[in-house]
Amino acid sequence: MSAEELETEITAGVTFWGYEADGDLIGVMGIQHVRDVDLIRHAYVLPGNQGRGIGSSLLAHLQALATRPVLVGTWTDAEWAIRFYQRHGFELVSPEQKNALLKEYWTISERQIETSVVLANPPLPGAQV
């Protein structure tokens, strides 16, 4: 993410949290309060540091800050990311809910809507099993 993109996200209300090791930033994750939900945004852990609980720690911290249902959107093909969120209590929403939620809470293209999924915690009524 460029500095300009980062500034745009911060201006839009995304609060970023980082995970440091030996003074190096090795993981980031953001949370954005949008109307009646909290969105997990921009979750990244540097390669070579993945699988060590960094993403889990960041997610747990953000979930503790959340005051409303938490939603996260990711690419349909990012099966590893979907599994990560499912391990942490998130459930996929139905395709119909996904389309409505992405249009309601995110500003993304129709193409991104077509190729994305949404997970919720706590699960929404009608979530996929």
Protein backbone atom coordinates (compact mmCIF):
# COMPACT_ATOMS: atom_id res chain seq x y z
CA MET A 1 0.00 0.00 0.00
CA SER A 2 1.39 3.36 -0.95
CA ALA A 3 1.64 6.24 1.54
CA GLU A 4 -1.17 8.00 -0.36
CA GLU A 5 -3.44 4.94 -0.11
CA LEU A 6 -2.63 4.64 3.58
CA GLU A 7 -3.54 8.28 4.16
CA THR A 8 -6.82 7.79 2.26
CA GLU A 9 -7.70 4.80 4.45
CA ILE A 10 -6.86 6.67 7.65
CA THR A 11 -8.94 9.65 6.48
CA ALA A 12 -11.82 7.21 5.84
CA GLY A 13 -11.66 6.14 9.49
CA VAL A 14 -9.49 3.02 9.42
CA THR A 15 -7.43 2.75 12.61
CA PHE A 16 -4.35 0.62 12.08
CA TRP A 17 -2.58 -1.50 14.67
CA GLY A 18 0.82 -3.02 14.19
CA TYR A 19 2.85 -5.92 15.51
CA GLU A 20 6.55 -5.33 15.98
CA ALA A 21 9.43 -7.72 16.60
CA ASP A 22 12.93 -6.42 17.31
CA GLY A 23 11.83 -2.95 16.20
CA ASP A 24 10.52 -4.14 12.83
CA LEU A 25 6.88 -3.84 11.82
CA ILE A 26 5.93 -7.36 10.72
CA GLY A 27 2.13 -7.28 10.86
CA VAL A 28 -0.69 -4.76 10.50
CA MET A 29 -4.45 -4.89 10.71
CA GLY A 30 -7.05 -2.16 10.72
CA ILE A 31 -10.53 -1.64 12.08
CA GLN A 32 -13.10 0.76 10.68
CA HIS A 33 -16.33 1.69 12.43
CA VAL A 34 -19.01 2.02 9.76
CA ARG A 35 -22.52 2.80 10.98
CA ASP A 36 -23.67 -0.31 12.88
CA VAL A 37 -20.73 -2.66 12.18
CA ASP A 38 -16.96 -2.81 12.62
CA LEU A 39 -14.93 -3.82 9.57
CA ILE A 40 -11.57 -5.59 9.74
CA ARG A 41 -9.45 -3.96 7.06
CA HIS A 42 -6.02 -4.56 5.54
CA ALA A 43 -4.69 -7.58 7.42
CA TYR A 44 -1.09 -8.32 6.50
CA VAL A 45 1.76 -10.30 8.03
CA LEU A 46 5.14 -10.30 6.32
CA PRO A 47 6.07 -13.58 4.64
CA GLY A 48 8.40 -15.57 6.82
CA ASN A 49 6.47 -14.40 9.87
CA GLN A 50 3.17 -16.01 9.00
CA GLY A 51 1.92 -18.94 11.04
CA ARG A 52 3.41 -17.57 14.27
CA GLY A 53 0.22 -16.14 15.78
CA ILE A 54 0.80 -12.54 14.71
CA GLY A 55 -2.43 -12.26 12.72
CA SER A 56 -4.30 -14.02 15.52
CA SER A 57 -2.94 -11.55 18.07
CA LEU A 58 -3.88 -8.56 15.95
CA LEU A 59 -7.35 -9.94 15.26
CA ALA A 60 -7.96 -10.69 18.95
CA HIS A 61 -6.94 -7.13 19.82
CA LEU A 62 -9.29 -5.63 17.24
CA GLN A 63 -12.16 -7.89 18.24
CA ALA A 64 -11.70 -6.70 21.83
CA LEU A 65 -12.07 -3.11 20.54
CA ALA A 66 -15.17 -3.90 18.47
CA THR A 67 -18.47 -2.72 19.85
CA ARG A 68 -20.71 -4.07 17.09
CA PRO A 69 -20.84 -7.08 14.78
CA VAL A 70 -17.52 -7.53 12.98
CA LEU A 71 -17.33 -8.09 9.23
CA VAL A 72 -14.36 -8.90 7.04
CA GLY A 73 -14.24 -9.09 3.28
CA THR A 74 -11.67 -11.01 1.31
CA TRP A 75 -11.17 -12.55 -2.10
CA THR A 76 -13.08 -15.76 -2.81
CA ASP A 77 -9.82 -17.38 -3.95
CA ALA A 78 -8.02 -16.48 -0.70
CA GLU A 79 -8.95 -19.79 0.89
CA TRP A 80 -6.15 -19.50 3.47
CA ALA A 81 -7.60 -16.15 4.65
CA ILE A 82 -11.12 -17.58 4.82
CA ARG A 83 -9.85 -20.51 6.92
CA PHE A 84 -7.97 -18.08 9.18
CA TYR A 85 -11.12 -16.09 9.94
CA GLN A 86 -13.21 -19.23 10.35
CA ARG A 87 -10.73 -20.52 12.94
CA HIS A 88 -11.41 -17.31 14.85
CA GLY A 89 -15.19 -17.65 14.96
CA PHE A 90 -16.17 -15.93 11.73
CA GLU A 91 -18.70 -17.52 9.39
CA LEU A 92 -19.29 -16.94 5.71
CA VAL A 93 -22.49 -15.07 4.97
CA SER A 94 -24.83 -16.17 2.20
CA PRO A 95 -24.09 -14.90 -1.33
CA GLU A 96 -27.15 -12.64 -1.17
CA GLN A 97 -26.04 -11.17 2.17
CA LYS A 98 -22.50 -10.78 0.84
CA ASN A 99 -23.64 -8.68 -2.10
CA ALA A 100 -25.80 -6.46 0.09
CA LEU A 101 -23.12 -6.04 2.77
CA LEU A 102 -20.36 -5.20 0.30
CA LYS A 103 -22.56 -2.53 -1.28
CA GLU A 104 -23.64 -1.18 2.11
CA TYR A 105 -20.33 -0.98 3.97
CA TRP A 106 -17.52 -0.99 1.41
CA THR A 107 -16.71 1.21 -1.57
CA ILE A 108 -15.59 -1.34 -4.14
CA SER A 109 -16.22 -2.15 -7.78
CA GLU A 110 -18.83 -4.60 -9.07
CA ARG A 111 -15.96 -6.87 -10.13
CA GLN A 112 -14.64 -6.93 -6.55
CA ILE A 113 -18.14 -7.70 -5.28
CA GLU A 114 -18.35 -10.65 -7.69
CA THR A 115 -14.98 -12.06 -6.57
CA SER A 116 -15.24 -11.50 -2.82
CA VAL A 117 -16.76 -13.12 0.24
CA VAL A 118 -17.80 -11.65 3.58
CA LEU A 119 -17.40 -13.31 6.95
CA ALA A 120 -19.16 -12.21 10.12
CA ASN A 121 -18.62 -12.59 13.85
CA PRO A 122 -21.02 -13.15 15.46
CA PRO A 123 -22.55 -15.08 12.57
CA LEU A 124 -25.44 -13.34 10.83
CA PRO A 125 -28.81 -15.07 10.52
CA GLY A 126 -28.79 -17.10 7.32
CA ALA A 127 -25.00 -17.51 7.27
CA GLN A 128 -23.57 -20.38 5.26
CA VAL A 129 -22.75 -23.58 7.09
